[in-house]
C-alpha atoms as a PDB file:
ATOM      1  CA  MET A   1      -6.992  75.179 -23.234  1.00  0.00           C
ATOM      2  CA  HIS A   2     -10.255  73.290 -23.145  1.00  0.00           C
ATOM      3  CA  GLU A   3     -13.497  74.697 -21.870  1.00  0.00           C
ATOM      4  CA  TYR A   4     -15.118  72.341 -19.422  1.00  0.00           C
ATOM      5  CA  ASP A   5     -18.691  73.424 -18.717  1.00  0.00           C
ATOM      6  CA  ASP A   6     -20.723  72.617 -15.608  1.00  0.00           C
ATOM      7  CA  ALA A   7     -22.158  69.417 -17.125  1.00  0.00           C
ATOM      8  CA  VAL A   8     -18.668  68.095 -17.910  1.00  0.00           C
ATOM      9  CA  LEU A   9     -17.330  68.925 -14.453  1.00  0.00           C
ATOM     10  CA  ALA A  10     -20.356  67.423 -12.695  1.00  0.00           C
ATOM     11  CA  CYS A  11     -20.056  64.247 -14.769  1.00  0.00           C
ATOM     12  CA  PHE A  12     -16.371  63.860 -13.922  1.00  0.00           C
ATOM     13  CA  LEU A  13     -16.911  64.504 -10.207  1.00  0.00           C
ATOM     14  CA  LYS A  14     -19.724  61.951 -10.094  1.00  0.00           C
ATOM     15  CA  LYS A  15     -18.030  59.224 -12.161  1.00  0.00           C
ATOM     16  CA  GLN A  16     -14.290  59.675 -11.529  1.00  0.00           C
ATOM     17  CA  SER A  17     -14.139  56.392  -9.583  1.00  0.00           C
ATOM     18  CA  GLN A  18     -14.639  54.450 -12.830  1.00  0.00           C
ATOM     19  CA  LEU A  19     -11.084  55.429 -13.782  1.00  0.00           C
ATOM     20  CA  PHE A  20      -9.292  56.186 -10.514  1.00  0.00           C
ATOM     21  CA  PRO A  21      -9.140  54.106  -7.298  1.00  0.00           C
ATOM     22  CA  GLU A  22      -9.751  57.223  -5.219  1.00  0.00           C
ATOM     23  CA  ASP A  23     -11.205  60.632  -5.984  1.00  0.00           C
ATOM     24  CA  VAL A  24      -8.805  63.045  -7.640  1.00  0.00           C
ATOM     25  CA  ALA A  25     -11.108  66.060  -7.297  1.00  0.00           C
ATOM     26  CA  ALA A  26     -13.704  67.171  -4.757  1.00  0.00           C
ATOM     27  CA  THR A  27     -14.883  70.471  -6.254  1.00  0.00           C
ATOM     28  CA  PRO A  28     -15.652  71.716  -9.773  1.00  0.00           C
ATOM     29  CA  GLU A  29     -12.512  73.879  -9.596  1.00  0.00           C
ATOM     30  CA  GLU A  30     -10.333  70.896  -8.717  1.00  0.00           C
ATOM     31  CA  ALA A  31     -11.999  68.842 -11.450  1.00  0.00           C
ATOM     32  CA  GLU A  32     -11.331  71.553 -14.029  1.00  0.00           C
ATOM     33  CA  ALA A  33      -7.674  71.859 -12.996  1.00  0.00           C
ATOM     34  CA  PHE A  34      -7.238  68.084 -13.133  1.00  0.00           C
ATOM     35  CA  LEU A  35      -8.902  67.781 -16.557  1.00  0.00           C
ATOM     36  CA  GLU A  36      -6.729  70.601 -17.908  1.00  0.00           C
ATOM     37  CA  ASP A  37      -3.580  68.964 -16.511  1.00  0.00           C
ATOM     38  CA  CYS A  38      -4.319  65.645 -18.225  1.00  0.00           C
ATOM     39  CA  MET A  39      -5.629  67.378 -21.378  1.00  0.00           C
ATOM     40  CA  ALA A  40      -8.994  65.656 -21.243  1.00  0.00           C
ATOM     41  CA  VAL A  41     -11.079  65.929 -24.406  1.00  0.00           C
ATOM     42  CA  VAL A  42     -14.793  66.571 -24.791  1.00  0.00           C
ATOM     43  CA  ALA A  43     -16.114  64.664 -27.807  1.00  0.00           C
ATOM     44  CA  GLY A  44     -19.386  65.782 -29.346  1.00  0.00           C
ATOM     45  CA  SER A  45     -20.442  62.350 -30.571  1.00  0.00           C
ATOM     46  CA  VAL A  46     -19.675  58.649 -30.560  1.00  0.00           C
ATOM     47  CA  ARG A  47     -17.905  59.145 -33.912  1.00  0.00           C
ATOM     48  CA  GLU A  48     -15.585  61.749 -32.316  1.00  0.00           C
ATOM     49  CA  VAL A  49     -14.771  59.313 -29.492  1.00  0.00           C
ATOM     50  CA  TRP A  50     -13.951  56.633 -32.082  1.00  0.00           C
ATOM     51  CA  ASN A  51     -11.810  59.070 -34.087  1.00  0.00           C
ATOM     52  CA  TYR A  52      -9.961  60.157 -30.938  1.00  0.00           C
ATOM     53  CA  PHE A  53      -8.969  56.576 -30.107  1.00  0.00           C
ATOM     54  CA  ASP A  54      -8.114  55.857 -33.737  1.00  0.00           C
ATOM     55  CA  GLU A  55      -5.868  58.948 -33.960  1.00  0.00           C
ATOM     56  CA  SER A  56      -4.259  57.989 -30.644  1.00  0.00           C
ATOM     57  CA  GLY A  57      -3.089  54.765 -32.246  1.00  0.00           C
ATOM     58  CA  ILE A  58      -5.341  52.511 -30.190  1.00  0.00           C
ATOM     59  CA  ASP A  59      -6.208  49.311 -32.023  1.00  0.00           C
ATOM     60  CA  LEU A  60      -9.941  49.382 -32.655  1.00  0.00           C
ATOM     61  CA  GLU A  61     -10.065  46.281 -34.822  1.00  0.00           C
ATOM     62  CA  GLY A  62     -12.877  44.074 -33.670  1.00  0.00           C
ATOM     63  CA  ALA A  63     -14.140  46.697 -31.223  1.00  0.00           C
ATOM     64  CA  ASP A  64     -17.684  47.930 -31.421  1.00  0.00           C
ATOM     65  CA  GLU A  65     -19.306  51.177 -30.336  1.00  0.00           C
ATOM     66  CA  GLU A  66     -20.447  49.754 -27.000  1.00  0.00           C
ATOM     67  CA  GLU A  67     -16.936  48.582 -26.096  1.00  0.00           C
ATOM     68  CA  ILE A  68     -15.489  52.008 -26.889  1.00  0.00           C
ATOM     69  CA  LEU A  69     -18.115  53.818 -24.815  1.00  0.00           C
ATOM     70  CA  ASN A  70     -17.608  51.392 -21.911  1.00  0.00           C
ATOM     71  CA  ALA A  71     -13.864  52.072 -21.740  1.00  0.00           C
ATOM     72  CA  ASP A  72     -12.831  53.387 -18.326  1.00  0.00           C
ATOM     73  CA  GLU A  73     -11.478  56.566 -19.960  1.00  0.00           C
ATOM     74  CA  VAL A  74     -14.836  57.476 -21.518  1.00  0.00           C
ATOM     75  CA  PHE A  75     -17.408  59.316 -19.435  1.00  0.00           C
ATOM     76  CA  ASP A  76     -20.936  59.739 -20.805  1.00  0.00           C
ATOM     77  CA  ILE A  77     -21.880  63.334 -19.982  1.00  0.00           C
ATOM     78  CA  GLY A  78     -25.512  62.518 -20.655  1.00  0.00           C
ATOM     79  CA  ASP A  79     -26.245  65.106 -23.315  1.00  0.00           C
ATOM     80  CA  GLY A  80     -24.754  63.316 -26.320  1.00  0.00           C
ATOM     81  CA  ARG A  81     -21.198  64.346 -25.458  1.00  0.00           C
ATOM     82  CA  TYR A  82     -18.418  62.256 -23.966  1.00  0.00           C
ATOM     83  CA  LEU A  83     -15.455  63.191 -21.805  1.00  0.00           C
ATOM     84  CA  ILE A  84     -12.238  61.290 -22.562  1.00  0.00           C
ATOM     85  CA  VAL A  85      -9.714  61.265 -19.720  1.00  0.00           C
ATOM     86  CA  GLU A  86      -6.344  59.586 -20.150  1.00  0.00           C
ATOM     87  CA  GLY A  87      -5.521  58.185 -16.699  1.00  0.00           C
END
């Protein structure tokens, strides 16, 4: 089970519309339950985000760091970490 701290939950609640057409969570508790259900990952760096996509079998050839970080599944928490949510 992943630990989603307040910063992660707040980020997801604020930015969830970048991935979903309508909100999937309205409270931190709902956000945490949703993130656990879809096994969202907190990456500690851009390199970890890149490695996650690489290990998931996503073709990164020709992609650059900016493209990866702008993917709808990637949420910038704002403290150097990134939340990856598979829709």
